[in-house]
Amino acid sequence: MRVVLALGLLALAAFCAFGFLATYEPMDGGALGWRIGYGAALAACT
């Protein structure tokens, strides 16, 4: 059970890390909210 939970959290952390990095690509405003959201979710997983 612990392995399944660890793999799920690892997948969620990877998703958040890539999402956080993707917000540094050029976009039409509103990136700060996404950065804060992805950063907070990533911090919650680690």
C-alpha atoms as a PDB file:
ATOM      1  CA  MET A   1       0.000   0.000   0.000  1.00  0.00           C
ATOM      2  CA  ARG A   2       2.832   2.381   0.848  1.00  0.00           C
ATOM      3  CA  VAL A   3       4.434   1.808  -2.573  1.00  0.00           C
ATOM      4  CA  VAL A   4       1.193   2.653  -4.383  1.00  0.00           C
ATOM      5  CA  LEU A   5       0.811   5.872  -2.388  1.00  0.00           C
ATOM      6  CA  ALA A   6       4.445   6.820  -3.016  1.00  0.00           C
ATOM      7  CA  LEU A   7       4.076   6.256  -6.755  1.00  0.00           C
ATOM      8  CA  GLY A   8       0.900   8.320  -6.851  1.00  0.00           C
ATOM      9  CA  LEU A   9       2.528  11.215  -5.025  1.00  0.00           C
ATOM     10  CA  LEU A  10       5.603  10.947  -7.243  1.00  0.00           C
ATOM     11  CA  ALA A  11       3.416  11.159 -10.355  1.00  0.00           C
ATOM     12  CA  LEU A  12       1.569  14.171  -8.942  1.00  0.00           C
ATOM     13  CA  ALA A  13       4.847  15.869  -7.999  1.00  0.00           C
ATOM     14  CA  ALA A  14       6.252  15.297 -11.495  1.00  0.00           C
ATOM     15  CA  PHE A  15       3.081  16.716 -13.056  1.00  0.00           C
ATOM     16  CA  CYS A  16       3.321  19.814 -10.843  1.00  0.00           C
ATOM     17  CA  ALA A  17       7.034  20.274 -11.536  1.00  0.00           C
ATOM     18  CA  PHE A  18       6.535  20.148 -15.306  1.00  0.00           C
ATOM     19  CA  GLY A  19       3.500  22.426 -15.041  1.00  0.00           C
ATOM     20  CA  PHE A  20       5.499  24.919 -12.969  1.00  0.00           C
ATOM     21  CA  LEU A  21       8.285  24.931 -15.552  1.00  0.00           C
ATOM     22  CA  ALA A  22       5.780  25.310 -18.402  1.00  0.00           C
ATOM     23  CA  THR A  23       4.525  28.588 -16.921  1.00  0.00           C
ATOM     24  CA  TYR A  24       7.868  30.159 -17.868  1.00  0.00           C
ATOM     25  CA  GLU A  25       7.043  29.781 -21.553  1.00  0.00           C
ATOM     26  CA  PRO A  26       5.687  32.923 -23.207  1.00  0.00           C
ATOM     27  CA  MET A  27       1.969  33.337 -22.519  1.00  0.00           C
ATOM     28  CA  ASP A  28      -0.565  36.139 -22.485  1.00  0.00           C
ATOM     29  CA  GLY A  29      -0.565  37.130 -18.801  1.00  0.00           C
ATOM     30  CA  GLY A  30      -1.971  35.214 -15.878  1.00  0.00           C
ATOM     31  CA  ALA A  31       1.126  33.059 -15.393  1.00  0.00           C
ATOM     32  CA  LEU A  32       1.677  34.162 -11.795  1.00  0.00           C
ATOM     33  CA  GLY A  33      -1.459  32.419 -10.558  1.00  0.00           C
ATOM     34  CA  TRP A  34      -0.453  29.183 -12.277  1.00  0.00           C
ATOM     35  CA  ARG A  35       3.064  29.397 -10.835  1.00  0.00           C
ATOM     36  CA  ILE A  36       1.710  29.850  -7.320  1.00  0.00           C
ATOM     37  CA  GLY A  37      -0.777  27.007  -7.764  1.00  0.00           C
ATOM     38  CA  TYR A  38       1.731  24.540  -9.187  1.00  0.00           C
ATOM     39  CA  GLY A  39       4.348  25.577  -6.623  1.00  0.00           C
ATOM     40  CA  ALA A  40       1.947  25.090  -3.723  1.00  0.00           C
ATOM     41  CA  ALA A  41       0.821  21.688  -5.015  1.00  0.00           C
ATOM     42  CA  LEU A  42       4.436  20.627  -5.510  1.00  0.00           C
ATOM     43  CA  ALA A  43       5.351  21.737  -1.990  1.00  0.00           C
ATOM     44  CA  ALA A  44       2.393  19.792  -0.592  1.00  0.00           C
ATOM     45  CA  CYS A  45       3.610  16.590  -2.275  1.00  0.00           C
ATOM     46  CA  THR A  46       7.166  16.769  -0.984  1.00  0.00           C
END
